[in-house]
Amino acid sequence: MQSLLILLAPALFAASIYMVLGRIIRITDGEASSIIRSTWLTKIFVGGDVLSFLAQSSGGGLLAKAKDADAVKMGENIIIGGLGIQIVFFGFFAICACIFHYRIRVCPTTISTTISVPWERQLYVLYAASAFIMIRSLFRVAEYVTGSDGVLMSNEVYIYIFDATLMALMTIIFNIFHPSKAVSEKGLSERGRIRDMSDEFVLEEQK
């Protein structure tokens, strides 16, 4: 049970990160800068995260009930597959986030340059959090590939460094730079006001 909870917890962090990027795209009115629409972005990546979560949990369940070496090996392979899904989706997510950030800096929207919400700072927080999860996932894959007799699994210090410490740092930065500062309803309301003012200005110019 302990190993299962440690293994699965970062998947919930990942789901939060996916949702935050979708909100940032909406707040900045940056749909044109994103390669995936914000409504689909959250669904696609959270769906992949759920798939990864289910694979890891089923693999962990098999390990917990394993009676022989074959069952242990099957559980480890399913966990590796789940972690692989997480890495693939997270890598694609990082590419989407970087492309969006680059495009909106090159061709900023009116709202992205005038809104007071610190959306760009929150993007850098997402980059840091994504790096922590990616490093942790790669470590766990290496851990299960080398097996229970491998150096990574047989020495507890590695899980403290490459799992516990990274997840603790992620918790800390999200408490210091809480996503609510960038994705609050206040930010959406401010976006609406700026858009209304912009529309009024265009109407006045047309007159």
C-alpha atoms as a PDB file:
ATOM      1  CA  MET A   1       0.000   0.000   0.000  1.00  0.00           C
ATOM      2  CA  GLN A   2       2.866   2.384   0.836  1.00  0.00           C
ATOM      3  CA  SER A   3       4.620   1.734  -2.486  1.00  0.00           C
ATOM      4  CA  LEU A   4       1.332   2.105  -4.389  1.00  0.00           C
ATOM      5  CA  LEU A   5       0.522   5.509  -2.880  1.00  0.00           C
ATOM      6  CA  ILE A   6       4.069   6.795  -3.502  1.00  0.00           C
ATOM      7  CA  LEU A   7       3.900   5.548  -7.087  1.00  0.00           C
ATOM      8  CA  LEU A   8       0.502   7.054  -7.951  1.00  0.00           C
ATOM      9  CA  ALA A   9       0.550  10.448  -6.225  1.00  0.00           C
ATOM     10  CA  PRO A  10       2.515  12.362  -8.937  1.00  0.00           C
ATOM     11  CA  ALA A  11      -0.166  11.475 -11.508  1.00  0.00           C
ATOM     12  CA  LEU A  12      -2.523  13.810  -9.628  1.00  0.00           C
ATOM     13  CA  PHE A  13       0.095  16.584  -9.774  1.00  0.00           C
ATOM     14  CA  ALA A  14       0.349  16.039 -13.537  1.00  0.00           C
ATOM     15  CA  ALA A  15      -3.427  16.369 -14.003  1.00  0.00           C
ATOM     16  CA  SER A  16      -3.327  19.714 -12.174  1.00  0.00           C
ATOM     17  CA  ILE A  17      -0.519  20.977 -14.400  1.00  0.00           C
ATOM     18  CA  TYR A  18      -2.476  20.099 -17.553  1.00  0.00           C
ATOM     19  CA  MET A  19      -5.516  22.002 -16.297  1.00  0.00           C
ATOM     20  CA  VAL A  20      -3.471  25.087 -15.379  1.00  0.00           C
ATOM     21  CA  LEU A  21      -2.049  25.427 -18.906  1.00  0.00           C
ATOM     22  CA  GLY A  22      -5.562  25.229 -20.353  1.00  0.00           C
ATOM     23  CA  ARG A  23      -6.670  28.049 -18.059  1.00  0.00           C
ATOM     24  CA  ILE A  24      -3.646  30.190 -18.987  1.00  0.00           C
ATOM     25  CA  ILE A  25      -4.481  29.807 -22.685  1.00  0.00           C
ATOM     26  CA  ARG A  26      -8.063  30.904 -21.999  1.00  0.00           C
ATOM     27  CA  ILE A  27      -7.072  33.878 -19.828  1.00  0.00           C
ATOM     28  CA  THR A  28      -4.570  35.230 -22.364  1.00  0.00           C
ATOM     29  CA  ASP A  29      -6.990  34.648 -25.251  1.00  0.00           C
ATOM     30  CA  GLY A  30      -4.182  32.604 -26.799  1.00  0.00           C
ATOM     31  CA  GLU A  31      -6.129  29.893 -28.615  1.00  0.00           C
ATOM     32  CA  ALA A  32      -4.442  30.863 -31.897  1.00  0.00           C
ATOM     33  CA  SER A  33      -1.008  30.337 -30.317  1.00  0.00           C
ATOM     34  CA  SER A  34      -1.775  26.840 -29.044  1.00  0.00           C
ATOM     35  CA  ILE A  35      -1.405  23.794 -31.296  1.00  0.00           C
ATOM     36  CA  ILE A  36      -4.329  22.194 -29.394  1.00  0.00           C
ATOM     37  CA  ARG A  37      -7.500  24.034 -28.373  1.00  0.00           C
ATOM     38  CA  SER A  38      -7.617  24.647 -24.621  1.00  0.00           C
ATOM     39  CA  THR A  39     -10.864  22.658 -24.287  1.00  0.00           C
ATOM     40  CA  TRP A  40      -9.283  19.626 -25.960  1.00  0.00           C
ATOM     41  CA  LEU A  41      -5.876  20.114 -24.338  1.00  0.00           C
ATOM     42  CA  THR A  42      -7.169  19.379 -20.846  1.00  0.00           C
ATOM     43  CA  LYS A  43      -9.271  16.423 -22.029  1.00  0.00           C
ATOM     44  CA  ILE A  44      -6.435  14.829 -24.023  1.00  0.00           C
ATOM     45  CA  PHE A  45      -3.726  15.130 -21.396  1.00  0.00           C
ATOM     46  CA  VAL A  46      -5.900  14.371 -18.374  1.00  0.00           C
ATOM     47  CA  GLY A  47      -7.224  11.357 -20.305  1.00  0.00           C
ATOM     48  CA  GLY A  48      -3.643  10.173 -20.843  1.00  0.00           C
ATOM     49  CA  ASP A  49      -2.909  10.791 -17.189  1.00  0.00           C
ATOM     50  CA  VAL A  50      -5.930   8.708 -16.150  1.00  0.00           C
ATOM     51  CA  LEU A  51      -4.749   5.902 -18.451  1.00  0.00           C
ATOM     52  CA  SER A  52      -1.291   6.070 -16.878  1.00  0.00           C
ATOM     53  CA  PHE A  53      -2.832   6.136 -13.394  1.00  0.00           C
ATOM     54  CA  LEU A  54      -4.933   3.037 -14.088  1.00  0.00           C
ATOM     55  CA  ALA A  55      -1.982   1.126 -15.553  1.00  0.00           C
ATOM     56  CA  GLN A  56       0.267   1.972 -12.619  1.00  0.00           C
ATOM     57  CA  SER A  57      -2.415   1.165 -10.048  1.00  0.00           C
ATOM     58  CA  SER A  58      -3.240  -2.185 -11.654  1.00  0.00           C
ATOM     59  CA  GLY A  59       0.466  -3.041 -11.859  1.00  0.00           C
ATOM     60  CA  GLY A  60       0.945  -2.026  -8.242  1.00  0.00           C
ATOM     61  CA  GLY A  61      -2.064  -4.135  -7.266  1.00  0.00           C
ATOM     62  CA  LEU A  62      -0.555  -7.158  -8.995  1.00  0.00           C
ATOM     63  CA  LEU A  63       2.736  -6.597  -7.175  1.00  0.00           C
ATOM     64  CA  ALA A  64       0.964  -6.359  -3.837  1.00  0.00           C
ATOM     65  CA  LYS A  65      -0.736  -9.744  -4.415  1.00  0.00           C
ATOM     66  CA  ALA A  66       2.122 -11.447  -6.302  1.00  0.00           C
ATOM     67  CA  LYS A  67       2.830 -15.010  -5.184  1.00  0.00           C
ATOM     68  CA  ASP A  68       5.619 -15.886  -7.601  1.00  0.00           C
ATOM     69  CA  ALA A  69       8.331 -14.338  -9.765  1.00  0.00           C
ATOM     70  CA  ASP A  70       6.152 -14.346 -12.910  1.00  0.00           C
ATOM     71  CA  ALA A  71       3.419 -12.322 -11.199  1.00  0.00           C
ATOM     72  CA  VAL A  72       6.025  -9.867  -9.875  1.00  0.00           C
ATOM     73  CA  LYS A  73       7.492  -9.473 -13.360  1.00  0.00           C
ATOM     74  CA  MET A  74       4.057  -8.895 -14.895  1.00  0.00           C
ATOM     75  CA  GLY A  75       3.224  -6.253 -12.280  1.00  0.00           C
ATOM     76  CA  GLU A  76       6.536  -4.482 -12.882  1.00  0.00           C
ATOM     77  CA  ASN A  77       6.019  -4.519 -16.674  1.00  0.00           C
ATOM     78  CA  ILE A  78       2.525  -3.005 -16.327  1.00  0.00           C
ATOM     79  CA  ILE A  79       3.919  -0.288 -14.047  1.00  0.00           C
ATOM     80  CA  ILE A  80       6.699   0.432 -16.559  1.00  0.00           C
ATOM     81  CA  GLY A  81       4.044   0.694 -19.291  1.00  0.00           C
ATOM     82  CA  GLY A  82       2.018   3.130 -17.161  1.00  0.00           C
ATOM     83  CA  LEU A  83       5.086   5.249 -16.463  1.00  0.00           C
ATOM     84  CA  GLY A  84       5.947   5.146 -20.174  1.00  0.00           C
ATOM     85  CA  ILE A  85       2.482   6.507 -21.022  1.00  0.00           C
ATOM     86  CA  GLN A  86       3.009   9.308 -18.493  1.00  0.00           C
ATOM     87  CA  ILE A  87       6.410  10.192 -19.983  1.00  0.00           C
ATOM     88  CA  VAL A  88       5.058  10.271 -23.563  1.00  0.00           C
ATOM     89  CA  PHE A  89       2.083  12.466 -22.668  1.00  0.00           C
ATOM     90  CA  PHE A  90       4.226  14.709 -20.473  1.00  0.00           C
ATOM     91  CA  GLY A  91       6.836  15.121 -23.187  1.00  0.00           C
ATOM     92  CA  PHE A  92       4.143  16.122 -25.700  1.00  0.00           C
ATOM     93  CA  PHE A  93       2.610  18.456 -23.124  1.00  0.00           C
ATOM     94  CA  ALA A  94       5.975  20.188 -22.605  1.00  0.00           C
ATOM     95  CA  ILE A  95       6.280  20.685 -26.375  1.00  0.00           C
ATOM     96  CA  CYS A  96       2.751  22.166 -26.529  1.00  0.00           C
ATOM     97  CA  ALA A  97       3.486  24.522 -23.622  1.00  0.00           C
ATOM     98  CA  CYS A  98       6.787  25.723 -25.141  1.00  0.00           C
ATOM     99  CA  ILE A  99       5.225  26.307 -28.570  1.00  0.00           C
ATOM    100  CA  PHE A 100       2.347  28.249 -27.016  1.00  0.00           C
ATOM    101  CA  HIS A 101       4.762  30.359 -24.937  1.00  0.00           C
ATOM    102  CA  TYR A 102       6.997  31.099 -27.933  1.00  0.00           C
ATOM    103  CA  ARG A 103       4.111  32.016 -30.229  1.00  0.00           C
ATOM    104  CA  ILE A 104       2.347  34.294 -27.755  1.00  0.00           C
ATOM    105  CA  ARG A 105       5.603  36.131 -27.030  1.00  0.00           C
ATOM    106  CA  VAL A 106       6.289  36.626 -30.743  1.00  0.00           C
ATOM    107  CA  CYS A 107       2.668  37.574 -31.540  1.00  0.00           C
ATOM    108  CA  PRO A 108       1.093  38.630 -28.226  1.00  0.00           C
ATOM    109  CA  THR A 109      -2.620  39.168 -27.868  1.00  0.00           C
ATOM    110  CA  THR A 110      -3.961  42.451 -26.520  1.00  0.00           C
ATOM    111  CA  ILE A 111      -5.118  40.698 -23.376  1.00  0.00           C
ATOM    112  CA  SER A 112      -1.792  38.907 -22.754  1.00  0.00           C
ATOM    113  CA  THR A 113       0.063  42.240 -22.659  1.00  0.00           C
ATOM    114  CA  THR A 114      -2.440  44.165 -20.537  1.00  0.00           C
ATOM    115  CA  ILE A 115      -3.848  41.649 -18.062  1.00  0.00           C
ATOM    116  CA  SER A 116      -2.447  41.917 -14.526  1.00  0.00           C
ATOM    117  CA  VAL A 117      -2.547  38.135 -13.921  1.00  0.00           C
ATOM    118  CA  PRO A 118       1.047  36.751 -13.724  1.00  0.00           C
ATOM    119  CA  TRP A 119       0.397  34.073 -16.347  1.00  0.00           C
ATOM    120  CA  GLU A 120       3.962  33.995 -17.723  1.00  0.00           C
ATOM    121  CA  ARG A 121       5.464  33.475 -14.286  1.00  0.00           C
ATOM    122  CA  GLN A 122       3.050  30.596 -13.788  1.00  0.00           C
ATOM    123  CA  LEU A 123       4.241  29.066 -17.059  1.00  0.00           C
ATOM    124  CA  TYR A 124       7.802  29.012 -15.701  1.00  0.00           C
ATOM    125  CA  VAL A 125       6.454  27.324 -12.564  1.00  0.00           C
ATOM    126  CA  LEU A 126       4.816  24.717 -14.808  1.00  0.00           C
ATOM    127  CA  TYR A 127       8.137  24.149 -16.584  1.00  0.00           C
ATOM    128  CA  ALA A 128       9.900  23.520 -13.279  1.00  0.00           C
ATOM    129  CA  ALA A 129       7.127  21.218 -12.033  1.00  0.00           C
ATOM    130  CA  SER A 130       7.112  19.346 -15.348  1.00  0.00           C
ATOM    131  CA  ALA A 131      10.874  18.824 -15.135  1.00  0.00           C
ATOM    132  CA  PHE A 132      10.505  17.409 -11.608  1.00  0.00           C
ATOM    133  CA  ILE A 133       7.813  14.943 -12.701  1.00  0.00           C
ATOM    134  CA  MET A 134       9.720  13.924 -15.841  1.00  0.00           C
ATOM    135  CA  ILE A 135      12.940  13.232 -13.916  1.00  0.00           C
ATOM    136  CA  ARG A 136      10.972  11.319 -11.289  1.00  0.00           C
ATOM    137  CA  SER A 137       9.141   9.225 -13.907  1.00  0.00           C
ATOM    138  CA  LEU A 138      12.382   8.386 -15.745  1.00  0.00           C
ATOM    139  CA  PHE A 139      13.918   7.335 -12.419  1.00  0.00           C
ATOM    140  CA  ARG A 140      10.955   5.069 -11.611  1.00  0.00           C
ATOM    141  CA  VAL A 141      11.154   3.458 -15.066  1.00  0.00           C
ATOM    142  CA  ALA A 142      14.874   2.796 -14.560  1.00  0.00           C
ATOM    143  CA  GLU A 143      14.105   1.480 -11.071  1.00  0.00           C
ATOM    144  CA  TYR A 144      11.572  -1.096 -12.278  1.00  0.00           C
ATOM    145  CA  VAL A 145      13.597  -2.034 -15.375  1.00  0.00           C
ATOM    146  CA  THR A 146      16.633  -2.915 -13.222  1.00  0.00           C
ATOM    147  CA  GLY A 147      14.355  -4.940 -10.909  1.00  0.00           C
ATOM    148  CA  SER A 148      14.238  -5.551  -7.168  1.00  0.00           C
ATOM    149  CA  ASP A 149      17.892  -6.636  -7.143  1.00  0.00           C
ATOM    150  CA  GLY A 150      19.046  -3.498  -8.970  1.00  0.00           C
ATOM    151  CA  VAL A 151      20.985  -0.665  -7.380  1.00  0.00           C
ATOM    152  CA  LEU A 152      18.113   1.827  -7.588  1.00  0.00           C
ATOM    153  CA  MET A 153      15.494  -0.331  -5.860  1.00  0.00           C
ATOM    154  CA  SER A 154      17.783  -1.905  -3.294  1.00  0.00           C
ATOM    155  CA  ASN A 155      19.183   1.420  -2.050  1.00  0.00           C
ATOM    156  CA  GLU A 156      16.579   3.617  -0.374  1.00  0.00           C
ATOM    157  CA  VAL A 157      18.601   6.815  -0.797  1.00  0.00           C
ATOM    158  CA  TYR A 158      17.758   7.016  -4.498  1.00  0.00           C
ATOM    159  CA  ILE A 159      13.993   7.153  -3.957  1.00  0.00           C
ATOM    160  CA  TYR A 160      14.505   9.919  -1.397  1.00  0.00           C
ATOM    161  CA  ILE A 161      16.544  11.955  -3.895  1.00  0.00           C
ATOM    162  CA  PHE A 162      14.729  11.292  -7.178  1.00  0.00           C
ATOM    163  CA  ASP A 163      11.179  10.899  -5.900  1.00  0.00           C
ATOM    164  CA  ALA A 164      10.518  12.288  -2.411  1.00  0.00           C
ATOM    165  CA  THR A 165      12.733  15.384  -2.761  1.00  0.00           C
ATOM    166  CA  LEU A 166      11.454  16.285  -6.237  1.00  0.00           C
ATOM    167  CA  MET A 167       7.811  15.899  -5.206  1.00  0.00           C
ATOM    168  CA  ALA A 168       8.455  17.914  -2.023  1.00  0.00           C
ATOM    169  CA  LEU A 169      10.025  20.718  -4.100  1.00  0.00           C
ATOM    170  CA  MET A 170       7.033  20.628  -6.413  1.00  0.00           C
ATOM    171  CA  THR A 171       4.652  20.974  -3.469  1.00  0.00           C
ATOM    172  CA  ILE A 172       6.673  23.901  -2.142  1.00  0.00           C
ATOM    173  CA  ILE A 173       6.781  25.871  -5.406  1.00  0.00           C
ATOM    174  CA  PHE A 174       3.054  25.350  -5.960  1.00  0.00           C
ATOM    175  CA  ASN A 175       2.379  26.704  -2.477  1.00  0.00           C
ATOM    176  CA  ILE A 176       4.616  29.738  -3.054  1.00  0.00           C
ATOM    177  CA  PHE A 177       3.320  30.357  -6.604  1.00  0.00           C
ATOM    178  CA  HIS A 178      -0.165  28.961  -6.224  1.00  0.00           C
ATOM    179  CA  PRO A 179      -1.996  28.383  -9.543  1.00  0.00           C
ATOM    180  CA  SER A 180      -5.039  30.267  -8.252  1.00  0.00           C
ATOM    181  CA  LYS A 181      -3.055  33.502  -8.687  1.00  0.00           C
ATOM    182  CA  ALA A 182      -2.969  32.916 -12.436  1.00  0.00           C
ATOM    183  CA  VAL A 183      -6.127  30.931 -13.141  1.00  0.00           C
ATOM    184  CA  SER A 184      -8.662  32.499 -10.805  1.00  0.00           C
ATOM    185  CA  GLU A 185     -12.118  33.649 -11.842  1.00  0.00           C
ATOM    186  CA  LYS A 186     -10.828  37.180 -11.259  1.00  0.00           C
ATOM    187  CA  GLY A 187      -8.419  36.647 -14.151  1.00  0.00           C
ATOM    188  CA  LEU A 188     -11.224  35.497 -16.436  1.00  0.00           C
ATOM    189  CA  SER A 189     -13.325  38.505 -15.403  1.00  0.00           C
ATOM    190  CA  GLU A 190     -10.442  40.866 -16.125  1.00  0.00           C
ATOM    191  CA  ARG A 191      -9.991  39.257 -19.531  1.00  0.00           C
ATOM    192  CA  GLY A 192     -13.678  39.891 -20.238  1.00  0.00           C
ATOM    193  CA  ARG A 193     -13.392  43.563 -19.268  1.00  0.00           C
ATOM    194  CA  ILE A 194     -10.318  44.078 -21.456  1.00  0.00           C
ATOM    195  CA  ARG A 195     -12.014  42.363 -24.396  1.00  0.00           C
ATOM    196  CA  ASP A 196     -15.139  44.530 -23.974  1.00  0.00           C
ATOM    197  CA  MET A 197     -13.001  47.690 -23.858  1.00  0.00           C
ATOM    198  CA  SER A 198     -11.156  46.571 -26.992  1.00  0.00           C
ATOM    199  CA  ASP A 199     -14.460  45.939 -28.819  1.00  0.00           C
ATOM    200  CA  GLU A 200     -15.761  49.358 -27.778  1.00  0.00           C
ATOM    201  CA  PHE A 201     -12.571  50.993 -29.054  1.00  0.00           C
ATOM    202  CA  VAL A 202     -12.904  49.238 -32.442  1.00  0.00           C
ATOM    203  CA  LEU A 203     -16.555  50.363 -32.713  1.00  0.00           C
ATOM    204  CA  GLU A 204     -15.575  53.964 -31.947  1.00  0.00           C
ATOM    205  CA  GLU A 205     -12.848  53.866 -34.606  1.00  0.00           C
ATOM    206  CA  GLN A 206     -15.343  52.539 -37.153  1.00  0.00           C
ATOM    207  CA  LYS A 207     -17.713  55.401 -36.392  1.00  0.00           C
END
